[in-house]
Structure formats: structure tokens, C-alpha cells
Amino acid sequence: MGYKIVVAGATGNVGREMLNILAERQFPVDEIAVLASRRSIGTEVSFGDKTLKTKDIEGFDFTGWDMALFAIGSEATKKYAPIAAKAGCVVIDNSSLYRYDADVPLIVPEVNPEAITGYSKKNIIANPNCSTAQMVVALKPLHDRAKIKRVVVSTYQATSGAGKEGVDELWDQTKAIYNPTDEVPPKKFQKQIAFNVIPHIDVFMEDGSTKEEWKMVVETKKIVDPKIKVTATCVRVPVFVGHAESVNIEFEEFLDEDEARDILREAPGIMVVDKREDGGYVTPIECVGDFATFISRIRQDSTIENGINLWCVSDNLRKGAALNAVQIAETLGNRVLQKG
């Protein structure tokens, strides 16, 4: 006996990836419904070897459905998530709407699976920000060993983090540079993204940080440990898929780089590729389509007493969004619903 699953936002990048991953991981699905906005009704999407047609989320009856994976943005989620949850369907939400709600668990299954039991307060579970998800997978096993005091992270985030419009803008601007008769001014991003980097993701806040940076701080505290201090600089780079992060970690006690490497090799969801030679590390283009979070460049930080530097790369459409949502569904099924 399997689950009745809903994927809302099935025509978007993340929604399509959710369907791919549900099929790839052979999630026990008895029945599946794919939902989209009214303008996308009837659009065909793939689920394994099946082709499904999207239905209108407006008026959809969630009664009798076990889980709904939402990839529809905060505004639509605000309207439809409570409807689904009230009907008894557990919502796994990819937007930022519920991440900071004390009554909604924020889950990365490799890090805090036990927190999933808190879903029953609102029948909603939140998926973290893509840049946070990959980082905390690396932080948690190290924190368990040596207690993290402070994290300084700089991100190099792909344009797909801004959706299809972000990817298209990079593609169109790149072509326009080689064909000077074309001009593609910035629309999705604040400045030209082709052959450029932009230290600005989401809106600016009063303290000078951006909301993306604030998300990384607050979410790391909620998922791993509220005592960890985090400072982030989030940067958009001209890459289609795959977020990269340079992470500096300060611990309460000494942790040798070799031990850190061994800990990460044994940790769930992580692949260590760390050879001190040309090409002995992973870049965004190499992680596309993979489930793992890749860790490279592990080394001691000699400028502080107990410090480690590392390089962290992951497919942001997978671990940063769709994969994590499916893993949450798997965890909910295994630990709570136990139908599959």
C-alpha cells in the first residue's frame, strides 16, 4: 500500500524535478495528482514512464490525499497550504512562508529527522532555503564532534535559484554579448549576470544584509543549533545549476582536518572529493543531476585556534529543493505515516 501524493507547481523547474526524483527513488505512490495555476491547466509533465496532465489547483479537493509537495511560491502557498492541511493532507512546502514559524518543523532529513513529529501542529513541514540545505548537511556531523561556535559563508549561487526567468536571462545575455546587435537589459537580476557576479540575492534589510543572507543565519540556527553564530554573503554567479559555498567554521575545540575529512566521508548525503592536485575538487557543473552534497578543499584555518575551511557544492534544484522535499516525504512515511 502506497501514498496518494500531490505535486503543486508541477510545471515549474522544482515541481518537475520533484516528479523526477519521486520516480527515481521509487517512492511508494499509489496515486498522484499534478497541479498548476489556471493558465497551465492541461500542460503535460513526466512522472517516470507516465505522462500526466496538470489540474487546476483552484478548487482541488485535498481530502483523502496523504501528502502535497508544494513548489508554488509564498503567495499561492499562503492561500492553498492551509486548505490542504485542513483537509488532512500533510503539506511539504518549498517556499519561505513557513520556515520561521515555531509551529512548523524545518527539516533536512540528514540533520534533524526527529523534528518531523512536530508537523501535526499545523499539518505543514517546511523545506529550507537551497543555500542553507547543503551547508547544514556538512555542518551537522562536524558540530556533533566538536561544537561549532561560528560560521562565515560566502555563496556562489546559480541562476536557476531564481527560477526559469533567471536561467533564461543568463542564456539570452550571454548570446547577446556575442551578437552585439541584440541587447538584453537586466530584468530578473539587478545587474547584468552574464560574465558578472552580483552580491545581491533577495531584498536588502535594515542592517545591510540581504534576506537570502538572513535566511541562512536563521535557518541554520533552527535546524542545527540556535547557539551557532552565522554570517553570510550571498552572491549570484553566471552558472545555470549548482550552488557553491566557501565555508569557514570555528569550533569550540580543536578538530584536525584529517578527522574532519573522515567524519564527512561517513556522513549521510555527503560525497568527499578532496585531492590536493589539479582538478581534485568538485565544481557546480559536475554536481548537476546528483543527489549528493559534495565537499572539497578541507583544510585547517591557521588564523584562528580551532578552524576548518571547506568548499561545498550541490545541485540546488535537487538537494536545495526537490530532493530535500522528497526526502522529507520519505522520512514522514517511515517515521509517522508508515503506509509504504
Protein backbone atom coordinates (compact mmCIF):
# COMPACT_ATOMS: atom_id res chain seq x y z
CA MET A 1 0.00 0.00 0.00
CA GLY A 2 1.46 3.32 -1.07
CA TYR A 3 0.67 7.00 -0.75
CA LYS A 4 -1.62 9.42 -2.54
CA ILE A 5 0.69 12.28 -3.50
CA VAL A 6 0.01 15.76 -4.84
CA VAL A 7 2.68 17.87 -6.55
CA ALA A 8 1.61 21.53 -6.71
CA GLY A 9 3.55 23.71 -9.13
CA ALA A 10 4.29 20.71 -11.33
CA THR A 11 5.14 22.76 -14.44
CA GLY A 12 7.97 24.73 -12.77
CA ASN A 13 11.64 23.76 -12.52
CA VAL A 14 11.35 22.46 -8.95
CA GLY A 15 7.96 20.78 -9.48
CA ARG A 16 9.24 18.84 -12.49
CA GLU A 17 12.33 17.85 -10.52
CA MET A 18 10.13 16.64 -7.66
CA LEU A 19 8.34 14.31 -10.09
CA ASN A 20 11.66 13.06 -11.49
CA ILE A 21 13.01 12.31 -8.02
CA LEU A 22 9.83 10.62 -6.79
CA ALA A 23 10.16 8.29 -9.77
CA GLU A 24 13.94 7.81 -9.49
CA ARG A 25 13.78 6.92 -5.81
CA GLN A 26 10.77 4.67 -6.38
CA PHE A 27 8.71 6.46 -3.77
CA PRO A 28 5.67 4.26 -2.97
CA VAL A 29 2.99 6.16 -4.90
CA ASP A 30 -0.50 4.67 -5.25
CA GLU A 31 -1.94 7.74 -6.93
CA ILE A 32 -0.51 11.09 -7.98
CA ALA A 33 -2.10 14.42 -8.89
CA VAL A 34 -0.19 17.26 -10.57
CA LEU A 35 -1.47 20.77 -10.02
CA ALA A 36 -0.70 24.12 -11.58
CA SER A 37 -2.20 27.57 -11.94
CA ARG A 38 -5.19 28.07 -14.21
CA ARG A 39 -3.07 29.28 -17.12
CA SER A 40 -1.13 25.98 -17.12
CA ILE A 41 -4.08 23.57 -16.93
CA GLY A 42 -3.58 20.59 -19.21
CA THR A 43 0.18 21.04 -19.52
CA GLU A 44 1.82 17.62 -19.77
CA VAL A 45 4.55 16.62 -17.30
CA SER A 46 6.51 13.39 -16.93
CA PHE A 47 6.41 11.02 -13.98
CA GLY A 48 8.67 8.06 -14.68
CA ASP A 49 7.35 6.48 -17.86
CA LYS A 50 3.95 8.16 -17.47
CA THR A 51 2.72 11.44 -18.86
CA LEU A 52 0.36 13.40 -16.62
CA LYS A 53 -1.83 16.40 -17.33
CA THR A 54 -1.95 19.21 -14.79
CA LYS A 55 -5.16 20.12 -13.00
CA ASP A 56 -6.22 23.50 -11.63
CA ILE A 57 -5.12 23.97 -8.03
CA GLU A 58 -8.08 26.29 -7.56
CA GLY A 59 -10.86 24.18 -6.12
CA PHE A 60 -8.83 20.97 -5.92
CA ASP A 61 -10.11 18.73 -3.13
CA PHE A 62 -7.17 17.58 -0.95
CA THR A 63 -9.39 15.29 1.11
CA GLY A 64 -8.04 11.73 1.14
CA TRP A 65 -4.58 12.70 -0.16
CA ASP A 66 -1.64 11.85 2.12
CA MET A 67 1.00 14.45 1.21
CA ALA A 68 1.26 17.51 -1.01
CA LEU A 69 4.65 18.75 -2.22
CA PHE A 70 4.29 22.49 -2.81
CA ALA A 71 6.54 24.41 -5.23
CA ILE A 72 4.29 27.38 -5.94
CA GLY A 73 5.85 30.34 -4.11
CA SER A 74 4.84 32.05 -0.90
CA GLU A 75 1.75 33.94 -2.10
CA ALA A 76 -0.01 30.90 -3.54
CA THR A 77 1.16 28.73 -0.63
CA LYS A 78 -0.41 31.20 1.80
CA LYS A 79 -3.75 30.56 0.12
CA TYR A 80 -3.65 26.82 -0.60
CA ALA A 81 -1.46 25.25 2.11
CA PRO A 82 -3.98 25.82 4.93
CA ILE A 83 -6.74 24.37 2.71
CA ALA A 84 -4.73 21.21 2.08
CA ALA A 85 -3.63 20.91 5.71
CA LYS A 86 -7.19 21.33 7.00
CA ALA A 87 -8.31 18.55 4.64
CA GLY A 88 -5.82 16.19 6.34
CA CYS A 89 -3.13 16.31 3.64
CA VAL A 90 0.36 17.00 5.01
CA VAL A 91 1.97 19.90 3.13
CA ILE A 92 5.71 19.83 2.43
CA ASP A 93 6.37 23.42 1.39
CA ASN A 94 9.33 24.62 -0.64
CA SER A 95 8.61 28.35 -0.20
CA SER A 96 9.93 30.55 2.62
CA LEU A 97 6.44 31.16 4.06
CA TYR A 98 6.51 28.74 6.99
CA ARG A 99 10.26 28.30 7.59
CA TYR A 100 10.35 30.65 10.56
CA ASP A 101 7.06 29.57 12.13
CA ALA A 102 7.73 27.99 15.54
CA ASP A 103 4.85 25.54 14.96
CA VAL A 104 6.24 24.27 11.65
CA PRO A 105 9.28 21.98 11.59
CA LEU A 106 12.10 22.98 9.21
CA ILE A 107 13.65 19.73 8.07
CA VAL A 108 16.82 18.47 6.44
CA PRO A 109 16.48 14.69 6.90
CA GLU A 110 20.21 14.03 7.28
CA VAL A 111 20.36 16.66 10.05
CA ASN A 112 17.18 16.81 12.16
CA PRO A 113 14.76 14.00 11.15
CA GLU A 114 13.45 13.72 14.71
CA ALA A 115 11.89 17.20 14.41
CA ILE A 116 9.39 15.88 11.87
CA THR A 117 6.96 14.80 14.61
CA GLY A 118 6.16 18.49 15.09
CA TYR A 119 4.30 18.52 11.76
CA SER A 120 0.99 17.70 13.48
CA LYS A 121 0.61 21.21 14.94
CA LYS A 122 -0.28 22.66 11.53
CA ASN A 123 0.00 19.65 9.20
CA ILE A 124 2.78 21.54 7.43
CA ILE A 125 6.54 20.89 7.08
CA ALA A 126 8.93 23.48 5.68
CA ASN A 127 11.79 22.87 3.23
CA PRO A 128 14.79 25.16 3.89
CA ASN A 129 16.44 27.63 1.55
CA CYS A 130 18.62 25.94 -1.06
CA SER A 131 21.86 27.52 0.15
CA THR A 132 21.14 26.54 3.76
CA ALA A 133 20.20 22.93 2.97
CA GLN A 134 23.54 21.91 1.51
CA MET A 135 25.57 23.75 4.15
CA VAL A 136 23.85 22.21 7.20
CA VAL A 137 24.33 18.69 5.79
CA ALA A 138 28.07 19.37 6.13
CA LEU A 139 27.87 21.27 9.42
CA LYS A 140 25.86 18.77 11.46
CA PRO A 141 28.33 15.84 11.67
CA LEU A 142 31.17 18.26 12.46
CA HIS A 143 29.05 20.02 15.10
CA ASP A 144 28.28 16.67 16.74
CA ARG A 145 32.02 16.10 17.13
CA ALA A 146 33.47 19.49 18.05
CA LYS A 147 30.63 22.02 18.65
CA ILE A 148 30.55 24.84 16.13
CA LYS A 149 30.84 28.38 17.52
CA ARG A 150 30.76 30.44 14.33
CA VAL A 151 30.34 30.04 10.57
CA VAL A 152 31.42 32.50 7.89
CA VAL A 153 29.99 31.55 4.50
CA SER A 154 30.21 33.09 1.05
CA THR A 155 27.89 31.60 -1.57
CA TYR A 156 28.18 31.34 -5.36
CA GLN A 157 24.57 30.73 -6.36
CA ALA A 158 23.31 29.56 -9.74
CA THR A 159 20.72 31.47 -11.74
CA SER A 160 18.24 28.57 -11.52
CA GLY A 161 17.81 29.59 -7.88
CA ALA A 162 15.80 32.48 -9.32
CA GLY A 163 13.66 30.16 -11.43
CA LYS A 164 13.33 29.74 -15.18
CA GLU A 165 13.45 33.50 -15.72
CA GLY A 166 16.91 33.61 -14.13
CA VAL A 167 18.25 30.83 -16.35
CA ASP A 168 16.75 32.45 -19.45
CA GLU A 169 18.26 35.83 -18.62
CA LEU A 170 21.76 34.35 -18.32
CA TRP A 171 21.32 32.47 -21.60
CA ASP A 172 19.92 35.45 -23.51
CA GLN A 173 22.50 37.93 -22.20
CA THR A 174 25.37 35.55 -22.98
CA LYS A 175 24.17 35.16 -26.56
CA ALA A 176 23.71 38.93 -26.86
CA ILE A 177 27.34 39.58 -25.93
CA TYR A 178 28.44 37.53 -28.94
CA ASN A 179 25.85 39.21 -31.14
CA PRO A 180 26.16 42.93 -30.41
CA THR A 181 23.04 43.80 -32.40
CA ASP A 182 21.00 42.27 -29.58
CA GLU A 183 20.53 43.96 -26.22
CA VAL A 184 19.18 42.12 -23.17
CA PRO A 185 18.91 44.51 -20.21
CA PRO A 186 18.58 43.05 -16.69
CA LYS A 187 15.04 42.13 -15.67
CA LYS A 188 15.21 39.26 -13.22
CA PHE A 189 18.55 40.36 -11.76
CA GLN A 190 19.65 43.80 -10.60
CA LYS A 191 22.62 43.98 -12.98
CA GLN A 192 23.95 42.04 -15.98
CA ILE A 193 24.50 38.43 -14.89
CA ALA A 194 26.38 37.20 -17.98
CA PHE A 195 30.16 37.31 -17.30
CA ASN A 196 29.46 39.02 -13.98
CA VAL A 197 28.76 38.30 -10.31
CA ILE A 198 26.11 40.09 -8.25
CA PRO A 199 26.43 40.34 -4.44
CA HIS A 200 22.68 40.71 -4.01
CA ILE A 201 20.05 37.97 -3.63
CA ASP A 202 16.54 38.85 -2.41
CA VAL A 203 15.77 42.23 -0.80
CA PHE A 204 18.01 44.39 1.36
CA MET A 205 17.31 44.56 5.09
CA GLU A 206 17.91 47.39 7.57
CA ASP A 207 21.26 46.06 8.79
CA GLY A 208 22.68 45.96 5.25
CA SER A 209 22.37 42.22 4.78
CA THR A 210 20.07 40.72 2.16
CA LYS A 211 17.16 38.47 3.03
CA GLU A 212 18.96 35.48 1.48
CA GLU A 213 21.81 36.05 3.94
CA TRP A 214 19.34 36.44 6.82
CA LYS A 215 17.67 33.16 5.81
CA MET A 216 20.96 31.28 6.06
CA VAL A 217 21.54 32.64 9.57
CA VAL A 218 18.07 31.96 10.96
CA GLU A 219 17.58 28.58 9.26
CA THR A 220 20.97 27.21 10.38
CA LYS A 221 20.08 28.10 13.96
CA LYS A 222 16.66 26.45 13.70
CA ILE A 223 17.90 23.28 12.00
CA VAL A 224 21.26 22.68 13.71
CA ASP A 225 21.71 24.72 16.91
CA PRO A 226 20.45 28.18 17.99
CA LYS A 227 23.83 28.90 19.62
CA ILE A 228 25.77 28.84 16.33
CA LYS A 229 26.73 32.30 15.06
CA VAL A 230 26.46 32.65 11.29
CA THR A 231 27.44 35.44 8.93
CA ALA A 232 26.80 35.11 5.20
CA THR A 233 27.49 36.91 1.93
CA CYS A 234 25.29 35.57 -0.87
CA VAL A 235 26.34 36.11 -4.48
CA ARG A 236 24.64 35.27 -7.78
CA VAL A 237 27.04 33.89 -10.39
CA PRO A 238 26.69 33.11 -14.13
CA VAL A 239 26.05 29.38 -13.65
CA PHE A 240 22.85 27.59 -14.70
CA VAL A 241 22.60 24.92 -11.99
CA GLY A 242 24.62 24.18 -8.85
CA HIS A 243 25.28 26.32 -5.80
CA ALA A 244 28.79 26.51 -4.37
CA GLU A 245 29.84 27.77 -0.95
CA SER A 246 33.11 28.69 0.72
CA VAL A 247 32.58 27.84 4.40
CA ASN A 248 34.83 28.84 7.31
CA ILE A 249 33.96 27.07 10.57
CA GLU A 250 35.20 27.91 14.07
CA PHE A 251 34.79 25.18 16.69
CA GLU A 252 34.81 25.18 20.49
CA GLU A 253 37.54 22.53 20.47
CA PHE A 254 40.28 21.53 18.06
CA LEU A 255 39.31 19.39 15.07
CA ASP A 256 42.06 18.07 12.85
CA GLU A 257 41.46 18.40 9.09
CA ASP A 258 42.05 14.67 8.58
CA GLU A 259 39.47 13.78 11.21
CA ALA A 260 37.03 16.30 9.69
CA ARG A 261 37.56 14.64 6.31
CA ASP A 262 36.88 11.19 7.78
CA ILE A 263 33.75 12.40 9.59
CA LEU A 264 32.36 13.91 6.39
CA ARG A 265 33.16 10.76 4.38
CA GLU A 266 30.95 8.77 6.77
CA ALA A 267 28.14 11.35 6.97
CA PRO A 268 24.82 10.73 5.17
CA GLY A 269 24.20 12.66 1.95
CA ILE A 270 27.84 13.74 1.54
CA MET A 271 30.47 12.82 -1.02
CA VAL A 272 34.02 13.93 -0.23
CA VAL A 273 36.23 14.65 -3.26
CA ASP A 274 39.33 16.26 -1.83
CA LYS A 275 42.61 15.65 -3.63
CA ARG A 276 45.29 18.29 -3.39
CA GLU A 277 46.03 18.30 -7.08
CA ASP A 278 44.74 19.96 -10.24
CA GLY A 279 41.04 19.20 -10.58
CA GLY A 280 40.87 17.31 -7.28
CA TYR A 281 37.67 19.07 -6.21
CA VAL A 282 34.06 19.37 -7.40
CA THR A 283 32.61 22.34 -9.27
CA PRO A 284 28.92 23.15 -9.88
CA ILE A 285 28.80 21.73 -13.40
CA GLU A 286 29.90 18.32 -12.08
CA CYS A 287 27.21 18.07 -9.40
CA VAL A 288 24.22 18.59 -11.71
CA GLY A 289 21.73 15.73 -11.51
CA ASP A 290 23.37 14.19 -8.45
CA PHE A 291 21.75 13.61 -5.06
CA ALA A 292 24.91 14.22 -3.01
CA THR A 293 26.32 17.34 -1.41
CA PHE A 294 30.00 17.40 -2.43
CA ILE A 295 32.72 18.59 -0.07
CA SER A 296 36.22 19.56 -1.23
CA ARG A 297 39.15 21.76 -0.13
CA ILE A 298 39.03 20.66 3.53
CA ARG A 299 41.91 22.36 5.36
CA GLN A 300 42.92 23.87 8.67
CA ASP A 301 42.42 27.61 9.17
CA SER A 302 45.66 28.76 10.77
CA THR A 303 44.31 32.25 11.58
CA ILE A 304 42.07 31.03 14.42
CA GLU A 305 42.58 28.49 17.19
CA ASN A 306 40.02 25.88 16.10
CA GLY A 307 39.15 26.48 12.46
CA ILE A 308 38.39 24.50 9.31
CA ASN A 309 37.77 25.73 5.76
CA LEU A 310 35.82 23.75 3.19
CA TRP A 311 34.17 24.02 -0.24
CA CYS A 312 30.60 22.80 -0.56
CA VAL A 313 28.77 22.18 -3.87
CA SER A 314 25.31 20.80 -4.62
CA ASP A 315 22.60 20.75 -7.29
CA ASN A 316 20.30 23.48 -5.97
CA LEU A 317 17.26 22.09 -7.80
CA ARG A 318 17.85 18.72 -6.12
CA LYS A 319 19.26 18.88 -2.58
CA GLY A 320 18.39 22.54 -2.36
CA ALA A 321 14.76 21.98 -3.21
CA ALA A 322 13.15 18.93 -4.83
CA LEU A 323 15.31 16.16 -3.37
CA ASN A 324 15.05 17.51 0.16
CA ALA A 325 11.24 17.71 -0.18
CA VAL A 326 11.06 14.08 -1.34
CA GLN A 327 13.41 13.04 1.48
CA ILE A 328 11.05 14.78 3.92
CA ALA A 329 8.17 12.78 2.42
CA GLU A 330 10.19 9.59 2.86
CA THR A 331 11.00 10.48 6.47
CA LEU A 332 7.36 11.31 7.21
CA GLY A 333 6.30 7.98 5.70
CA ASN A 334 8.93 5.92 7.52
CA ARG A 335 8.64 7.58 10.91
CA VAL A 336 4.99 8.59 11.15
CA LEU A 337 2.51 7.50 8.46
CA GLN A 338 4.08 4.09 7.76
CA LYS A 339 1.98 3.14 4.75
CA GLY A 340 4.56 2.50 2.06
